[in-house]
N, C-alpha and C. Protein backbone atom coordinates (compact mmCIF):
# COMPACT_ATOMS: atom_id res chain seq x y z
N MET A 1 0.88 -1.44 0.19
CA MET A 1 -0.02 -0.23 0.02
C MET A 1 0.51 1.19 0.00
N PHE A 2 0.67 2.25 -0.57
CA PHE A 2 1.30 3.17 -1.18
C PHE A 2 1.18 4.52 0.32
N PRO A 3 1.57 5.52 0.62
CA PRO A 3 1.50 6.02 1.96
C PRO A 3 0.30 7.45 1.56
N LYS A 4 -0.31 7.88 1.90
CA LYS A 4 -1.11 8.98 1.54
C LYS A 4 -0.37 10.24 0.91
N GLU A 5 0.72 10.66 1.40
CA GLU A 5 0.84 11.96 1.45
C GLU A 5 2.39 11.28 0.29
N GLY A 6 3.01 12.20 -0.14
CA GLY A 6 4.30 12.18 -0.92
C GLY A 6 5.51 12.45 -0.15
N ALA A 7 6.38 12.19 -0.71
CA ALA A 7 7.85 12.48 0.21
C ALA A 7 7.87 13.83 0.60
N GLU A 8 7.57 14.77 -0.94
CA GLU A 8 7.71 16.01 -0.67
C GLU A 8 6.25 17.06 -0.22
N PRO A 9 6.48 17.88 -0.03
CA PRO A 9 5.24 18.83 0.01
C PRO A 9 4.38 19.09 -1.74
N ALA A 10 3.46 19.44 -1.68
CA ALA A 10 2.62 19.62 -3.15
C ALA A 10 3.11 20.80 -3.50
N THR A 11 3.27 21.23 -5.03
CA THR A 11 3.89 22.19 -5.50
C THR A 11 2.21 23.01 -5.36
N ARG A 12 3.15 24.26 -5.09
CA ARG A 12 1.97 25.66 -4.85
C ARG A 12 1.81 26.28 -6.03
N ILE A 13 0.82 26.47 -6.49
CA ILE A 13 0.95 27.32 -8.12
C ILE A 13 0.39 28.98 -7.65
N GLY A 14 1.35 29.87 -7.24
CA GLY A 14 0.43 31.15 -7.34
C GLY A 14 0.84 32.38 -8.24
N ASN A 15 0.43 32.20 -9.34
CA ASN A 15 0.78 33.11 -10.73
C ASN A 15 0.25 34.47 -10.50
N SER A 16 0.86 35.42 -10.64
CA SER A 16 0.19 36.94 -10.68
C SER A 16 0.00 37.25 -12.33
N VAL A 17 0.42 36.54 -13.15
CA VAL A 17 0.56 37.25 -14.38
C VAL A 17 -0.70 35.96 -15.15
N PRO A 18 -1.65 35.84 -15.90
CA PRO A 18 -2.56 34.87 -16.73
C PRO A 18 -1.08 34.78 -17.64
N ALA A 19 -1.20 33.52 -18.12
CA ALA A 19 -0.40 32.45 -18.88
C ALA A 19 -0.88 31.94 -20.11
N LEU A 20 -0.40 32.09 -21.05
CA LEU A 20 -0.60 31.36 -21.89
C LEU A 20 -0.23 29.83 -22.24
N VAL A 21 -0.72 28.84 -21.90
CA VAL A 21 -0.52 27.51 -22.63
C VAL A 21 -0.85 26.75 -24.04
N LEU A 22 0.43 26.83 -24.83
CA LEU A 22 0.16 26.14 -25.85
C LEU A 22 0.40 24.60 -26.02
N GLN A 23 -0.61 23.90 -26.45
CA GLN A 23 -0.67 22.54 -26.37
C GLN A 23 -1.16 21.61 -27.59
N ASN A 24 -0.19 20.72 -28.01
CA ASN A 24 -0.53 19.65 -28.98
C ASN A 24 -1.45 18.52 -28.58
N GLU A 25 -2.29 18.34 -28.95
CA GLU A 25 -3.08 16.68 -28.92
C GLU A 25 -2.43 15.75 -28.54
N TRP A 26 -0.91 15.53 -29.37
CA TRP A 26 -0.66 14.01 -29.00
C TRP A 26 1.08 14.59 -28.86
N ASP A 27 1.35 14.68 -27.45
CA ASP A 27 2.73 16.15 -26.86
C ASP A 27 3.35 14.70 -26.33
N PRO A 28 3.84 13.49 -26.21
CA PRO A 28 4.88 12.62 -25.56
C PRO A 28 5.29 12.90 -23.96
N GLN A 29 5.70 14.15 -24.20
CA GLN A 29 6.37 14.50 -22.97
C GLN A 29 5.26 15.34 -22.37
N THR A 30 4.83 16.24 -22.58
CA THR A 30 3.47 16.65 -21.65
C THR A 30 1.77 16.24 -22.35
N PRO A 31 1.46 15.08 -21.90
CA PRO A 31 0.26 14.64 -22.52
C PRO A 31 -0.81 15.54 -22.16
N LEU A 32 -1.74 15.94 -23.02
CA LEU A 32 -3.23 16.72 -23.16
C LEU A 32 -3.29 17.12 -21.70
N VAL A 33 -3.69 15.56 -20.95
CA VAL A 33 -4.07 16.13 -19.82
C VAL A 33 -3.38 16.44 -18.48
N SER A 34 -2.26 17.00 -18.94
CA SER A 34 -1.07 17.74 -18.46
C SER A 34 -1.51 18.76 -18.60
N GLY A 35 -1.35 19.48 -19.68
CA GLY A 35 -1.82 20.64 -20.09
C GLY A 35 -3.09 21.16 -19.77
N GLN A 36 -4.02 20.37 -19.76
CA GLN A 36 -5.54 21.17 -18.79
C GLN A 36 -5.24 21.51 -17.61
N GLY A 37 -4.45 20.29 -17.01
CA GLY A 37 -4.38 20.49 -15.28
C GLY A 37 -3.35 22.24 -15.11
N MET A 38 -2.42 21.97 -15.89
CA MET A 38 -1.57 23.53 -15.91
C MET A 38 -2.43 24.59 -15.93
N ARG A 39 -3.47 24.44 -17.06
CA ARG A 39 -4.28 25.71 -17.56
C ARG A 39 -5.74 26.07 -16.30
N ARG A 40 -5.79 24.74 -15.66
CA ARG A 40 -6.47 25.12 -14.34
C ARG A 40 -5.91 25.43 -13.34
N ALA A 41 -4.48 25.03 -12.96
CA ALA A 41 -3.63 25.47 -12.13
C ALA A 41 -3.59 27.17 -12.19
N LEU A 42 -3.51 27.28 -13.14
CA LEU A 42 -2.90 29.50 -13.48
C LEU A 42 -3.94 30.00 -13.80
N LYS A 43 -4.16 30.43 -12.35
CA LYS A 43 -4.89 31.88 -12.72
C LYS A 43 -5.59 32.84 -13.66
N GLY A 44 -6.68 32.94 -14.38
CA GLY A 44 -6.90 33.65 -15.35
C GLY A 44 -5.69 33.29 -16.57
N SER A 45 -5.59 31.78 -16.63
CA SER A 45 -4.95 31.73 -18.06
C SER A 45 -5.80 31.14 -18.94
N ARG A 46 -5.28 30.99 -20.09
CA ARG A 46 -6.10 30.56 -21.75
C ARG A 46 -5.02 29.45 -22.16
N MET A 47 -5.67 28.70 -22.59
CA MET A 47 -4.86 27.28 -23.51
C MET A 47 -5.46 27.54 -24.86
N VAL A 48 -4.57 27.28 -25.99
CA VAL A 48 -4.72 27.01 -27.06
C VAL A 48 -4.55 25.32 -27.31
N THR A 49 -5.28 24.84 -27.68
CA THR A 49 -5.00 23.06 -27.89
C THR A 49 -4.98 22.64 -29.29
N VAL A 50 -3.87 22.18 -30.04
CA VAL A 50 -3.87 21.85 -31.59
C VAL A 50 -4.26 20.42 -31.62
N LEU A 51 -5.40 20.27 -32.19
CA LEU A 51 -5.98 18.99 -32.39
C LEU A 51 -5.30 18.31 -33.47
N ASP A 52 -4.83 17.29 -33.72
CA ASP A 52 -3.73 16.32 -34.71
C ASP A 52 -2.31 16.50 -34.28
N GLY A 53 -1.75 17.84 -33.53
CA GLY A 53 -0.91 18.12 -33.47
C GLY A 53 -0.08 17.28 -32.73
N LEU A 54 1.38 16.90 -33.11
CA LEU A 54 2.39 15.33 -32.68
C LEU A 54 3.79 16.46 -32.05
N GLY A 55 3.99 15.94 -31.16
CA GLY A 55 5.27 16.19 -30.54
C GLY A 55 4.94 17.45 -29.83
N HIS A 56 6.37 18.01 -29.02
CA HIS A 56 6.47 18.94 -27.58
C HIS A 56 6.35 20.20 -28.12
N GLY A 57 6.63 20.43 -29.80
CA GLY A 57 7.03 21.83 -30.22
C GLY A 57 5.36 22.25 -30.70
N VAL A 58 4.90 23.41 -30.10
CA VAL A 58 3.77 24.08 -30.84
C VAL A 58 3.70 25.18 -31.48
N TYR A 59 4.70 26.29 -31.28
CA TYR A 59 4.79 27.34 -31.68
C TYR A 59 5.66 27.33 -32.65
N GLY A 60 5.12 27.74 -33.92
CA GLY A 60 5.99 27.73 -35.49
C GLY A 60 5.67 26.44 -36.07
N SER A 61 4.75 26.10 -35.63
CA SER A 61 4.04 24.69 -36.15
C SER A 61 3.00 25.11 -37.57
N GLY A 62 2.55 26.16 -37.66
CA GLY A 62 1.79 26.64 -38.89
C GLY A 62 0.56 26.51 -38.67
N SER A 63 0.06 26.50 -36.66
CA SER A 63 -1.13 26.15 -36.41
C SER A 63 -2.06 27.54 -35.78
N CYS A 64 -3.13 27.69 -35.65
CA CYS A 64 -3.28 29.09 -35.25
C CYS A 64 -2.85 29.10 -33.91
N ALA A 65 -2.21 28.41 -33.23
CA ALA A 65 -1.06 28.98 -32.00
C ALA A 65 -0.15 29.83 -32.66
N ASP A 66 0.23 29.54 -33.43
CA ASP A 66 1.30 30.98 -34.00
C ASP A 66 1.05 32.11 -34.12
N ALA A 67 -0.06 32.45 -34.48
CA ALA A 67 -0.49 34.18 -34.41
C ALA A 67 -1.25 34.65 -32.84
N ILE A 68 -1.65 33.55 -32.50
CA ILE A 68 -1.90 34.16 -30.87
C ILE A 68 -0.86 33.91 -30.09
N GLY A 69 -0.17 32.73 -30.21
CA GLY A 69 1.26 32.85 -29.28
C GLY A 69 1.93 33.84 -29.72
N THR A 70 2.42 34.86 -30.76
CA THR A 70 3.14 36.17 -31.03
C THR A 70 2.36 36.88 -30.58
N ALA A 71 0.95 37.06 -30.27
CA ALA A 71 0.36 38.54 -29.51
C ALA A 71 0.46 38.25 -28.32
N TYR A 72 0.60 37.10 -27.88
CA TYR A 72 0.56 37.08 -26.64
C TYR A 72 2.39 37.73 -25.94
N LEU A 73 2.90 37.08 -26.75
CA LEU A 73 4.23 37.45 -26.63
C LEU A 73 5.10 39.09 -26.77
N VAL A 74 4.37 39.87 -27.58
CA VAL A 74 4.38 41.43 -28.21
C VAL A 74 3.52 42.11 -27.35
N THR A 75 1.75 41.83 -26.62
CA THR A 75 1.36 42.72 -26.00
C THR A 75 0.91 42.10 -24.83
N GLY A 76 0.97 40.46 -24.72
CA GLY A 76 0.41 40.24 -23.11
C GLY A 76 -1.02 39.53 -22.86
N GLY A 77 -1.54 39.81 -24.11
CA GLY A 77 -3.05 39.95 -24.86
C GLY A 77 -2.98 38.38 -25.03
N LEU A 78 -4.22 38.00 -23.62
CA LEU A 78 -4.75 36.49 -23.95
C LEU A 78 -6.47 36.43 -25.08
N PRO A 79 -6.35 35.47 -25.43
CA PRO A 79 -7.84 35.38 -26.45
C PRO A 79 -8.83 35.54 -24.99
N ALA A 80 -10.19 36.00 -25.59
CA ALA A 80 -11.27 35.81 -24.61
C ALA A 80 -11.61 34.53 -24.10
N ALA A 81 -11.36 33.45 -24.78
CA ALA A 81 -11.78 31.70 -24.25
C ALA A 81 -10.58 31.05 -25.05
N ASP A 82 -10.63 30.08 -24.45
CA ASP A 82 -9.90 29.05 -24.50
C ASP A 82 -9.99 28.58 -26.39
N VAL A 83 -8.61 28.22 -26.99
CA VAL A 83 -8.93 28.23 -28.23
C VAL A 83 -8.74 26.67 -28.90
N THR A 84 -9.38 25.67 -29.67
CA THR A 84 -9.13 24.52 -30.09
C THR A 84 -9.55 25.12 -31.66
N CYS A 85 -8.07 24.13 -32.11
CA CYS A 85 -7.74 24.44 -33.95
C CYS A 85 -7.29 22.88 -34.09
N ARG A 86 -7.27 22.62 -35.19
CA ARG A 86 -6.69 21.48 -36.28
C ARG A 86 -5.19 22.24 -36.88
N THR A 87 -4.25 21.11 -36.54
CA THR A 87 -3.07 21.01 -37.42
C THR A 87 -3.29 21.21 -39.00
N PRO A 88 -3.15 22.09 -39.43
CA PRO A 88 -3.23 22.31 -41.12
C PRO A 88 -2.72 21.10 -41.81
N GLU A 89 -3.79 21.12 -43.10
CA GLU A 89 -3.59 19.96 -43.65
C GLU A 89 -1.96 19.67 -44.06
N GLY A 90 -1.43 18.25 -44.16
CA GLY A 90 -0.33 18.10 -44.66
C GLY A 90 1.21 18.48 -43.49
N ARG A 91 0.41 19.27 -42.55
CA ARG A 91 1.47 19.26 -41.19
C ARG A 91 1.78 18.93 -40.19
N LYS A 92 1.15 17.70 -40.25
CA LYS A 92 1.35 16.74 -38.89
C LYS A 92 2.41 16.47 -38.55
N THR A 93 3.08 17.12 -37.60
CA THR A 93 4.92 16.62 -37.59
C THR A 93 5.23 17.37 -36.06
N ASP A 94 6.16 16.51 -35.75
CA ASP A 94 6.87 16.49 -34.55
C ASP A 94 7.97 17.34 -34.66
N ALA A 95 8.30 18.17 -35.72
CA ALA A 95 9.65 18.77 -35.68
C ALA A 95 9.13 20.58 -35.43
N LEU A 96 9.56 20.85 -34.68
CA LEU A 96 9.71 22.59 -34.38
C LEU A 96 10.00 23.48 -35.69
N ARG A 97 9.65 23.84 -36.14
CA ARG A 97 10.50 25.01 -37.31
C ARG A 97 9.97 26.36 -36.72
N LEU A 98 11.51 27.01 -36.88
CA LEU A 98 11.32 28.07 -36.28
C LEU A 98 11.11 29.48 -37.41
N PRO A 99 10.33 30.14 -36.99
CA PRO A 99 10.02 31.20 -37.72
C PRO A 99 11.17 31.98 -38.11
N GLY A 100 11.27 31.89 -39.41
CA GLY A 100 12.45 33.14 -39.75
C GLY A 100 13.93 32.56 -40.14
N LEU A 101 13.80 31.09 -39.60
CA LEU A 101 14.98 30.10 -40.28
C LEU A 101 14.32 29.06 -40.82
N PRO A 102 14.64 29.85 -42.70
CA PRO A 102 14.62 28.79 -43.51
C PRO A 102 15.13 27.04 -43.36
N GLY A 103 14.77 26.04 -43.35
CA GLY A 103 15.45 25.07 -43.28
C GLY A 103 15.72 24.29 -41.89
N ARG A 104 15.40 25.08 -40.90
CA ARG A 104 16.17 25.07 -39.79
C ARG A 104 14.61 23.82 -38.86
N SER A 105 14.81 23.00 -38.11
CA SER A 105 14.54 21.88 -37.86
C SER A 105 15.09 21.43 -36.51
N ASP A 106 14.24 21.89 -35.31
CA ASP A 106 14.96 21.45 -34.20
C ASP A 106 13.89 20.50 -33.84
N ARG A 107 14.47 18.97 -33.28
CA ARG A 107 13.75 17.69 -32.60
C ARG A 107 13.13 18.00 -31.39
N PHE A 108 11.89 17.48 -30.80
CA PHE A 108 11.77 17.75 -29.36
C PHE A 108 11.67 16.69 -29.09
């Protein structure tokens, strides 16, 4: 039988700035349910879920997350509600293509 409490105290989340969570549906490092849990834990935050998105890299994938992520980085503004979109047709990939760097891809 496992003890009821862990060896370390639970991490407390106390954000003062709302965050934008970008999440691929099929992320092997951070499963969708974990991204959803982070979204719930970060007060006032929003989440962009990319359906059919593969891998850990979301930003730069050509999905709706690119424009929303750029707007957040530039202005700090969040969408009015959580957003769900699909990976653009033919772009299902686990490679992160970095904007402004043609031909460059880093695998996560």
